[in-house]
């Protein structure tokens, strides 16, 4: 068995300003991806502030994280469902 690991994509540093705070994010995504994530986070945080102006930054951040994980879970469930349907179709064609 070959235990060689696949090469990891290059990690890069990205400077982001989220809700007025500067962050340095380290990851292997493209700069365009990181910019898109930053823009979406700022847009969603602004919407939360507009809907609930008394909400603290911490509360807004937790709600944003909760919503992001909820969306991720929904997409994973939809993917699993589609994959299962594809597997069933493939096995019935055999």
PDB file of N, CA and C in Angstrom:
ATOM      1  N   UNK A   1       0.818  -1.187   0.000  1.00  0.00           N
ATOM      2  CA  UNK A   1       0.000   0.000   0.000  1.00  0.00           C
ATOM      3  C   UNK A   1       0.861   1.249   0.000  1.00  0.00           C
ATOM      4  N   UNK A   2       0.444   2.247  -0.750  1.00  0.00           N
ATOM      5  CA  UNK A   2       1.185   3.499  -0.823  1.00  0.00           C
ATOM      6  C   UNK A   2       0.643   4.456   0.237  1.00  0.00           C
ATOM      7  N   UNK A   3       1.473   4.787   1.207  1.00  0.00           N
ATOM      8  CA  UNK A   3       1.057   5.685   2.280  1.00  0.00           C
ATOM      9  C   UNK A   3       1.422   7.135   2.001  1.00  0.00           C
ATOM     10  N   UNK A   4       1.889   7.423   0.799  1.00  0.00           N
ATOM     11  CA  UNK A   4       2.275   8.796   0.461  1.00  0.00           C
ATOM     12  C   UNK A   4       1.038   9.685   0.462  1.00  0.00           C
ATOM     13  N   UNK A   5       1.169  10.817   1.116  1.00  0.00           N
ATOM     14  CA  UNK A   5       0.060  11.765   1.168  1.00  0.00           C
ATOM     15  C   UNK A   5       0.080  12.620  -0.086  1.00  0.00           C
ATOM     16  N   UNK A   6      -1.126  13.033  -0.503  1.00  0.00           N
ATOM     17  CA  UNK A   6      -1.208  13.939  -1.642  1.00  0.00           C
ATOM     18  C   UNK A   6      -0.667  15.297  -1.214  1.00  0.00           C
ATOM     19  N   UNK A   7      -0.023  16.008  -2.125  1.00  0.00           N
ATOM     20  CA  UNK A   7       0.504  17.323  -1.754  1.00  0.00           C
ATOM     21  C   UNK A   7      -0.635  18.275  -1.373  1.00  0.00           C
ATOM     22  N   UNK A   8      -0.410  19.028  -0.326  1.00  0.00           N
ATOM     23  CA  UNK A   8      -1.398  20.000   0.132  1.00  0.00           C
ATOM     24  C   UNK A   8      -1.293  21.264  -0.722  1.00  0.00           C
ATOM     25  N   UNK A   9      -2.438  21.892  -1.020  1.00  0.00           N
ATOM     26  CA  UNK A   9      -2.374  23.166  -1.742  1.00  0.00           C
ATOM     27  C   UNK A   9      -1.614  24.195  -0.902  1.00  0.00           C
ATOM     28  N   UNK A  10      -0.987  25.129  -1.575  1.00  0.00           N
ATOM     29  CA  UNK A  10      -0.206  26.159  -0.879  1.00  0.00           C
ATOM     30  C   UNK A  10      -1.110  26.978   0.036  1.00  0.00           C
ATOM     31  N   UNK A  11      -0.633  27.213   1.249  1.00  0.00           N
ATOM     32  CA  UNK A  11      -1.386  28.036   2.188  1.00  0.00           C
ATOM     33  C   UNK A  11      -0.974  29.486   1.949  1.00  0.00           C
ATOM     34  N   UNK A  12      -1.951  30.346   1.974  1.00  0.00           N
ATOM     35  CA  UNK A  12      -1.656  31.761   1.758  1.00  0.00           C
ATOM     36  C   UNK A  12      -2.345  32.599   2.829  1.00  0.00           C
ATOM     37  N   UNK A  13      -1.807  33.782   3.016  1.00  0.00           N
ATOM     38  CA  UNK A  13      -2.354  34.714   4.001  1.00  0.00           C
ATOM     39  C   UNK A  13      -3.230  35.723   3.270  1.00  0.00           C
ATOM     40  N   UNK A  14      -4.379  36.012   3.851  1.00  0.00           N
ATOM     41  CA  UNK A  14      -5.322  36.954   3.261  1.00  0.00           C
ATOM     42  C   UNK A  14      -5.743  37.943   4.339  1.00  0.00           C
ATOM     43  N   UNK A  15      -5.611  39.217   4.037  1.00  0.00           N
ATOM     44  CA  UNK A  15      -6.034  40.246   4.988  1.00  0.00           C
ATOM     45  C   UNK A  15      -7.478  40.622   4.684  1.00  0.00           C
ATOM     46  N   UNK A  16      -8.334  40.506   5.708  1.00  0.00           N
ATOM     47  CA  UNK A  16      -9.756  40.796   5.551  1.00  0.00           C
ATOM     48  C   UNK A  16     -10.184  41.812   6.601  1.00  0.00           C
ATOM     49  N   UNK A  17     -11.132  42.661   6.227  1.00  0.00           N
ATOM     50  CA  UNK A  17     -11.767  43.554   7.191  1.00  0.00           C
ATOM     51  C   UNK A  17     -13.220  43.111   7.286  1.00  0.00           C
ATOM     52  N   UNK A  18     -13.574  42.602   8.462  1.00  0.00           N
ATOM     53  CA  UNK A  18     -14.920  42.085   8.696  1.00  0.00           C
ATOM     54  C   UNK A  18     -15.536  42.889   9.826  1.00  0.00           C
ATOM     55  N   UNK A  19     -16.637  43.556   9.509  1.00  0.00           N
ATOM     56  CA  UNK A  19     -17.347  44.386  10.483  1.00  0.00           C
ATOM     57  C   UNK A  19     -16.404  45.405  11.129  1.00  0.00           C
ATOM     58  N   UNK A  20     -15.517  45.976  10.301  1.00  0.00           N
ATOM     59  CA  UNK A  20     -14.609  47.011  10.769  1.00  0.00           C
ATOM     60  C   UNK A  20     -13.362  46.512  11.478  1.00  0.00           C
ATOM     61  N   UNK A  21     -13.240  45.222  11.663  1.00  0.00           N
ATOM     62  CA  UNK A  21     -12.091  44.624  12.366  1.00  0.00           C
ATOM     63  C   UNK A  21     -11.179  43.953  11.336  1.00  0.00           C
ATOM     64  N   UNK A  22      -9.878  44.168  11.456  1.00  0.00           N
ATOM     65  CA  UNK A  22      -8.912  43.546  10.535  1.00  0.00           C
ATOM     66  C   UNK A  22      -8.533  42.153  11.014  1.00  0.00           C
ATOM     67  N   UNK A  23      -8.478  41.222  10.072  1.00  0.00           N
ATOM     68  CA  UNK A  23      -8.090  39.839  10.356  1.00  0.00           C
ATOM     69  C   UNK A  23      -7.110  39.379   9.292  1.00  0.00           C
ATOM     70  N   UNK A  24      -6.214  38.479   9.664  1.00  0.00           N
ATOM     71  CA  UNK A  24      -5.376  37.779   8.702  1.00  0.00           C
ATOM     72  C   UNK A  24      -5.835  36.337   8.707  1.00  0.00           C
ATOM     73  N   UNK A  25      -6.333  35.880   7.572  1.00  0.00           N
ATOM     74  CA  UNK A  25      -6.857  34.528   7.420  1.00  0.00           C
ATOM     75  C   UNK A  25      -5.804  33.708   6.678  1.00  0.00           C
ATOM     76  N   UNK A  26      -5.509  32.525   7.172  1.00  0.00           N
ATOM     77  CA  UNK A  26      -4.562  31.627   6.513  1.00  0.00           C
ATOM     78  C   UNK A  26      -5.355  30.451   5.969  1.00  0.00           C
ATOM     79  N   UNK A  27      -5.214  30.189   4.680  1.00  0.00           N
ATOM     80  CA  UNK A  27      -5.944  29.084   4.073  1.00  0.00           C
ATOM     81  C   UNK A  27      -5.424  28.782   2.687  1.00  0.00           C
ATOM     82  N   UNK A  28      -6.048  27.795   2.056  1.00  0.00           N
ATOM     83  CA  UNK A  28      -5.596  27.385   0.729  1.00  0.00           C
ATOM     84  C   UNK A  28      -6.579  27.776  -0.373  1.00  0.00           C
ATOM     85  N   UNK A  29      -7.531  28.612  -0.050  1.00  0.00           N
ATOM     86  CA  UNK A  29      -8.484  29.078  -1.060  1.00  0.00           C
ATOM     87  C   UNK A  29      -7.900  30.254  -1.833  1.00  0.00           C
ATOM     88  N   UNK A  30      -8.493  30.526  -2.986  1.00  0.00           N
ATOM     89  CA  UNK A  30      -8.010  31.632  -3.812  1.00  0.00           C
ATOM     90  C   UNK A  30      -8.359  32.973  -3.162  1.00  0.00           C
ATOM     91  N   UNK A  31      -7.657  33.999  -3.595  1.00  0.00           N
ATOM     92  CA  UNK A  31      -7.945  35.342  -3.083  1.00  0.00           C
ATOM     93  C   UNK A  31      -9.365  35.757  -3.455  1.00  0.00           C
ATOM     94  N   UNK A  32      -9.814  35.390  -4.646  1.00  0.00           N
ATOM     95  CA  UNK A  32     -11.179  35.719  -5.072  1.00  0.00           C
ATOM     96  C   UNK A  32     -12.201  35.069  -4.139  1.00  0.00           C
ATOM     97  N   UNK A  33     -11.946  33.827  -3.751  1.00  0.00           N
ATOM     98  CA  UNK A  33     -12.845  33.125  -2.833  1.00  0.00           C
ATOM     99  C   UNK A  33     -12.878  33.844  -1.480  1.00  0.00           C
ATOM    100  N   UNK A  34     -11.705  34.187  -0.967  1.00  0.00           N
ATOM    101  CA  UNK A  34     -11.624  34.863   0.334  1.00  0.00           C
ATOM    102  C   UNK A  34     -12.324  36.224   0.290  1.00  0.00           C
ATOM    103  N   UNK A  35     -12.154  36.951  -0.826  1.00  0.00           N
ATOM    104  CA  UNK A  35     -12.836  38.244  -0.974  1.00  0.00           C
ATOM    105  C   UNK A  35     -14.346  38.056  -0.989  1.00  0.00           C
ATOM    106  N   UNK A  36     -14.815  37.034  -1.704  1.00  0.00           N
ATOM    107  CA  UNK A  36     -16.253  36.774  -1.786  1.00  0.00           C
ATOM    108  C   UNK A  36     -16.819  36.425  -0.408  1.00  0.00           C
ATOM    109  N   UNK A  37     -16.093  35.616   0.351  1.00  0.00           N
ATOM    110  CA  UNK A  37     -16.536  35.256   1.704  1.00  0.00           C
ATOM    111  C   UNK A  37     -16.592  36.504   2.581  1.00  0.00           C
ATOM    112  N   UNK A  38     -15.564  37.341   2.498  1.00  0.00           N
ATOM    113  CA  UNK A  38     -15.518  38.569   3.298  1.00  0.00           C
ATOM    114  C   UNK A  38     -16.690  39.479   2.960  1.00  0.00           C
ATOM    115  N   UNK A  39     -16.959  39.661   1.668  1.00  0.00           N
ATOM    116  CA  UNK A  39     -18.071  40.517   1.243  1.00  0.00           C
ATOM    117  C   UNK A  39     -19.401  39.970   1.739  1.00  0.00           C
ATOM    118  N   UNK A  40     -19.596  38.666   1.619  1.00  0.00           N
ATOM    119  CA  UNK A  40     -20.847  38.051   2.060  1.00  0.00           C
ATOM    120  C   UNK A  40     -21.019  38.180   3.572  1.00  0.00           C
ATOM    121  N   UNK A  41     -19.933  37.964   4.319  1.00  0.00           N
ATOM    122  CA  UNK A  41     -20.011  38.117   5.781  1.00  0.00           C
ATOM    123  C   UNK A  41     -20.397  39.544   6.157  1.00  0.00           C
ATOM    124  N   UNK A  42     -19.749  40.524   5.534  1.00  0.00           N
ATOM    125  CA  UNK A  42     -20.060  41.919   5.844  1.00  0.00           C
ATOM    126  C   UNK A  42     -21.499  42.264   5.485  1.00  0.00           C
ATOM    127  N   UNK A  43     -21.969  41.752   4.355  1.00  0.00           N
ATOM    128  CA  UNK A  43     -23.347  42.006   3.937  1.00  0.00           C
ATOM    129  C   UNK A  43     -24.331  41.387   4.934  1.00  0.00           C
ATOM    130  N   UNK A  44     -24.078  40.144   5.341  1.00  0.00           N
ATOM    131  CA  UNK A  44     -24.985  39.474   6.268  1.00  0.00           C
ATOM    132  C   UNK A  44     -24.938  40.106   7.658  1.00  0.00           C
ATOM    133  N   UNK A  45     -23.758  40.521   8.113  1.00  0.00           N
ATOM    134  CA  UNK A  45     -23.667  41.207   9.406  1.00  0.00           C
ATOM    135  C   UNK A  45     -24.422  42.535   9.366  1.00  0.00           C
ATOM    136  N   UNK A  46     -24.333  43.259   8.252  1.00  0.00           N
ATOM    137  CA  UNK A  46     -25.059  44.524   8.109  1.00  0.00           C
ATOM    138  C   UNK A  46     -26.566  44.279   8.146  1.00  0.00           C
ATOM    139  N   UNK A  47     -27.023  43.198   7.500  1.00  0.00           N
ATOM    140  CA  UNK A  47     -28.450  42.864   7.529  1.00  0.00           C
ATOM    141  C   UNK A  47     -28.909  42.552   8.947  1.00  0.00           C
ATOM    142  N   UNK A  48     -28.095  41.783   9.682  1.00  0.00           N
ATOM    143  CA  UNK A  48     -28.446  41.460  11.066  1.00  0.00           C
ATOM    144  C   UNK A  48     -28.527  42.722  11.920  1.00  0.00           C
ATOM    145  N   UNK A  49     -27.575  43.645  11.738  1.00  0.00           N
ATOM    146  CA  UNK A  49     -27.591  44.902  12.501  1.00  0.00           C
ATOM    147  C   UNK A  49     -28.830  45.731  12.180  1.00  0.00           C
ATOM    148  N   UNK A  50     -29.235  45.688  10.912  1.00  0.00           N
ATOM    149  CA  UNK A  50     -30.416  46.448  10.496  1.00  0.00           C
ATOM    150  C   UNK A  50     -31.680  45.842  11.111  1.00  0.00           C
ATOM    151  N   UNK A  51     -31.760  44.515  11.125  1.00  0.00           N
ATOM    152  CA  UNK A  51     -32.933  43.834  11.677  1.00  0.00           C
ATOM    153  C   UNK A  51     -32.979  43.904  13.202  1.00  0.00           C
ATOM    154  N   UNK A  52     -31.814  43.879  13.831  1.00  0.00           N
ATOM    155  CA  UNK A  52     -31.740  43.881  15.300  1.00  0.00           C
ATOM    156  C   UNK A  52     -30.611  44.814  15.742  1.00  0.00           C
ATOM    157  N   UNK A  53     -30.863  46.126  15.726  1.00  0.00           N
ATOM    158  CA  UNK A  53     -29.800  47.088  16.017  1.00  0.00           C
ATOM    159  C   UNK A  53     -29.202  46.964  17.423  1.00  0.00           C
ATOM    160  N   UNK A  54     -29.926  46.383  18.358  1.00  0.00           N
ATOM    161  CA  UNK A  54     -29.417  46.236  19.728  1.00  0.00           C
ATOM    162  C   UNK A  54     -28.557  44.990  19.909  1.00  0.00           C
ATOM    163  N   UNK A  55     -28.452  44.165  18.862  1.00  0.00           N
ATOM    164  CA  UNK A  55     -27.669  42.931  18.954  1.00  0.00           C
ATOM    165  C   UNK A  55     -26.179  43.275  19.041  1.00  0.00           C
ATOM    166  N   UNK A  56     -25.472  42.623  19.958  1.00  0.00           N
ATOM    167  CA  UNK A  56     -24.030  42.862  20.097  1.00  0.00           C
ATOM    168  C   UNK A  56     -23.281  42.221  18.927  1.00  0.00           C
ATOM    169  N   UNK A  57     -22.022  42.633  18.749  1.00  0.00           N
ATOM    170  CA  UNK A  57     -21.189  42.021  17.702  1.00  0.00           C
ATOM    171  C   UNK A  57     -21.058  40.523  17.942  1.00  0.00           C
ATOM    172  N   UNK A  58     -20.893  40.138  19.208  1.00  0.00           N
ATOM    173  CA  UNK A  58     -20.748  38.717  19.539  1.00  0.00           C
ATOM    174  C   UNK A  58     -22.016  37.944  19.180  1.00  0.00           C
ATOM    175  N   UNK A  59     -23.177  38.490  19.526  1.00  0.00           N
ATOM    176  CA  UNK A  59     -24.440  37.817  19.205  1.00  0.00           C
ATOM    177  C   UNK A  59     -24.624  37.692  17.696  1.00  0.00           C
ATOM    178  N   UNK A  60     -24.316  38.770  16.966  1.00  0.00           N
ATOM    179  CA  UNK A  60     -24.446  38.742  15.509  1.00  0.00           C
ATOM    180  C   UNK A  60     -23.486  37.722  14.903  1.00  0.00           C
ATOM    181  N   UNK A  61     -22.271  37.657  15.425  1.00  0.00           N
ATOM    182  CA  UNK A  61     -21.279  36.701  14.921  1.00  0.00           C
ATOM    183  C   UNK A  61     -21.717  35.266  15.167  1.00  0.00           C
ATOM    184  N   UNK A  62     -22.266  35.004  16.354  1.00  0.00           N
ATOM    185  CA  UNK A  62     -22.730  33.649  16.670  1.00  0.00           C
ATOM    186  C   UNK A  62     -23.910  33.280  15.782  1.00  0.00           C
ATOM    187  N   UNK A  63     -24.835  34.210  15.578  1.00  0.00           N
ATOM    188  CA  UNK A  63     -25.981  33.936  14.711  1.00  0.00           C
ATOM    189  C   UNK A  63     -25.526  33.691  13.274  1.00  0.00           C
ATOM    190  N   UNK A  64     -24.563  34.479  12.812  1.00  0.00           N
ATOM    191  CA  UNK A  64     -24.022  34.291  11.460  1.00  0.00           C
ATOM    192  C   UNK A  64     -23.363  32.921  11.326  1.00  0.00           C
ATOM    193  N   UNK A  65     -22.579  32.526  12.320  1.00  0.00           N
ATOM    194  CA  UNK A  65     -21.930  31.206  12.301  1.00  0.00           C
ATOM    195  C   UNK A  65     -22.974  30.094  12.339  1.00  0.00           C
ATOM    196  N   UNK A  66     -24.001  30.249  13.163  1.00  0.00           N
ATOM    197  CA  UNK A  66     -25.062  29.243  13.249  1.00  0.00           C
ATOM    198  C   UNK A  66     -25.748  29.077  11.895  1.00  0.00           C
ATOM    199  N   UNK A  67     -26.081  30.202  11.263  1.00  0.00           N
ATOM    200  CA  UNK A  67     -26.734  30.150   9.952  1.00  0.00           C
ATOM    201  C   UNK A  67     -25.832  29.504   8.905  1.00  0.00           C
ATOM    202  N   UNK A  68     -24.536  29.807   8.943  1.00  0.00           N
ATOM    203  CA  UNK A  68     -23.595  29.225   7.977  1.00  0.00           C
ATOM    204  C   UNK A  68     -23.501  27.715   8.148  1.00  0.00           C
ATOM    205  N   UNK A  69     -23.430  27.252   9.394  1.00  0.00           N
ATOM    206  CA  UNK A  69     -23.337  25.811   9.637  1.00  0.00           C
ATOM    207  C   UNK A  69     -24.647  25.128   9.278  1.00  0.00           C
ATOM    208  N   UNK A  70     -25.768  25.789   9.545  1.00  0.00           N
ATOM    209  CA  UNK A  70     -27.068  25.241   9.160  1.00  0.00           C
ATOM    210  C   UNK A  70     -27.152  25.076   7.642  1.00  0.00           C
ATOM    211  N   UNK A  71     -26.711  26.096   6.902  1.00  0.00           N
ATOM    212  CA  UNK A  71     -26.700  26.015   5.433  1.00  0.00           C
ATOM    213  C   UNK A  71     -25.783  24.894   4.955  1.00  0.00           C
ATOM    214  N   UNK A  72     -24.620  24.757   5.586  1.00  0.00           N
ATOM    215  CA  UNK A  72     -23.665  23.706   5.218  1.00  0.00           C
ATOM    216  C   UNK A  72     -24.284  22.331   5.443  1.00  0.00           C
ATOM    217  N   UNK A  73     -24.967  22.153   6.559  1.00  0.00           N
ATOM    218  CA  UNK A  73     -25.602  20.879   6.874  1.00  0.00           C
ATOM    219  C   UNK A  73     -26.701  20.555   5.866  1.00  0.00           C
ATOM    220  N   UNK A  74     -27.498  21.562   5.506  1.00  0.00           N
ATOM    221  CA  UNK A  74     -28.546  21.369   4.494  1.00  0.00           C
ATOM    222  C   UNK A  74     -27.951  20.920   3.167  1.00  0.00           C
ATOM    223  N   UNK A  75     -26.879  21.564   2.748  1.00  0.00           N
ATOM    224  CA  UNK A  75     -26.236  21.206   1.476  1.00  0.00           C
ATOM    225  C   UNK A  75     -25.643  19.797   1.534  1.00  0.00           C
ATOM    226  N   UNK A  76     -25.066  19.425   2.664  1.00  0.00           N
ATOM    227  CA  UNK A  76     -24.508  18.077   2.818  1.00  0.00           C
ATOM    228  C   UNK A  76     -25.616  17.032   2.749  1.00  0.00           C
ATOM    229  N   UNK A  77     -26.762  17.324   3.375  1.00  0.00           N
ATOM    230  CA  UNK A  77     -27.891  16.396   3.332  1.00  0.00           C
ATOM    231  C   UNK A  77     -28.426  16.263   1.907  1.00  0.00           C
ATOM    232  N   UNK A  78     -28.532  17.386   1.189  1.00  0.00           N
ATOM    233  CA  UNK A  78     -29.001  17.352  -0.196  1.00  0.00           C
ATOM    234  C   UNK A  78     -28.023  16.575  -1.071  1.00  0.00           C
ATOM    235  N   UNK A  79     -26.721  16.778  -0.856  1.00  0.00           N
ATOM    236  CA  UNK A  79     -25.694  16.049  -1.606  1.00  0.00           C
ATOM    237  C   UNK A  79     -25.813  14.545  -1.345  1.00  0.00           C
ATOM    238  N   UNK A  80     -25.942  14.178  -0.062  1.00  0.00           N
ATOM    239  CA  UNK A  80     -26.064  12.757   0.290  1.00  0.00           C
ATOM    240  C   UNK A  80     -27.295  12.132  -0.356  1.00  0.00           C
ATOM    241  N   UNK A  81     -28.397  12.884  -0.382  1.00  0.00           N
ATOM    242  CA  UNK A  81     -29.632  12.385  -0.994  1.00  0.00           C
ATOM    243  C   UNK A  81     -29.429  12.162  -2.495  1.00  0.00           C
ATOM    244  N   UNK A  82     -28.818  13.134  -3.171  1.00  0.00           N
ATOM    245  CA  UNK A  82     -28.558  12.999  -4.611  1.00  0.00           C
ATOM    246  C   UNK A  82     -27.600  11.847  -4.894  1.00  0.00           C
ATOM    247  N   UNK A  83     -26.582  11.716  -4.054  1.00  0.00           N
ATOM    248  CA  UNK A  83     -25.611  10.634  -4.226  1.00  0.00           C
ATOM    249  C   UNK A  83     -26.297   9.282  -4.065  1.00  0.00           C
ATOM    250  N   UNK A  84     -27.170   9.171  -3.077  1.00  0.00           N
ATOM    251  CA  UNK A  84     -27.892   7.921  -2.846  1.00  0.00           C
ATOM    252  C   UNK A  84     -28.783   7.598  -4.047  1.00  0.00           C
ATOM    253  N   UNK A  85     -29.457   8.623  -4.588  1.00  0.00           N
ATOM    254  CA  UNK A  85     -30.298   8.412  -5.770  1.00  0.00           C
ATOM    255  C   UNK A  85     -29.449   7.962  -6.952  1.00  0.00           C
ATOM    256  N   UNK A  86     -28.278   8.565  -7.114  1.00  0.00           N
ATOM    257  CA  UNK A  86     -27.376   8.179  -8.200  1.00  0.00           C
ATOM    258  C   UNK A  86     -26.876   6.763  -8.030  1.00  0.00           C
ATOM    259  N   UNK A  87     -26.546   6.384  -6.791  1.00  0.00           N
ATOM    260  CA  UNK A  87     -26.086   5.021  -6.512  1.00  0.00           C
ATOM    261  C   UNK A  87     -27.188   4.010  -6.807  1.00  0.00           C
ATOM    262  N   UNK A  88     -28.430   4.352  -6.440  1.00  0.00           N
ATOM    263  CA  UNK A  88     -29.560   3.450  -6.689  1.00  0.00           C
ATOM    264  C   UNK A  88     -29.806   3.297  -8.184  1.00  0.00           C
ATOM    265  N   UNK A  89     -29.679   4.394  -8.927  1.00  0.00           N
ATOM    266  CA  UNK A  89     -29.866   4.351 -10.378  1.00  0.00           C
ATOM    267  C   UNK A  89     -28.792   3.487 -11.021  1.00  0.00           C
ATOM    268  N   UNK A  90     -27.553   3.662 -10.582  1.00  0.00           N
ATOM    269  CA  UNK A  90     -26.436   2.888 -11.125  1.00  0.00           C
ATOM    270  C   UNK A  90     -26.610   1.403 -10.842  1.00  0.00           C
ATOM    271  N   UNK A  91     -27.018   1.057  -9.632  1.00  0.00           N
ATOM    272  CA  UNK A  91     -27.158  -0.360  -9.281  1.00  0.00           C
ATOM    273  C   UNK A  91     -28.364  -0.996  -9.969  1.00  0.00           C
ATOM    274  N   UNK A  92     -29.415  -0.225 -10.276  1.00  0.00           N
ATOM    275  CA  UNK A  92     -30.574  -0.801 -10.959  1.00  0.00           C
ATOM    276  C   UNK A  92     -30.315  -0.991 -12.452  1.00  0.00           C
ATOM    277  N   UNK A  93     -29.318  -0.278 -12.991  1.00  0.00           N
ATOM    278  CA  UNK A  93     -28.968  -0.422 -14.404  1.00  0.00           C
ATOM    279  C   UNK A  93     -28.084  -1.636 -14.647  1.00  0.00           C
ATOM    280  N   UNK A  94     -27.528  -2.194 -13.588  1.00  0.00           N
ATOM    281  CA  UNK A  94     -26.603  -3.328 -13.736  1.00  0.00           C
ATOM    282  C   UNK A  94     -27.322  -4.595 -14.073  1.00  0.00           C
TER     283      UNK A  94
END
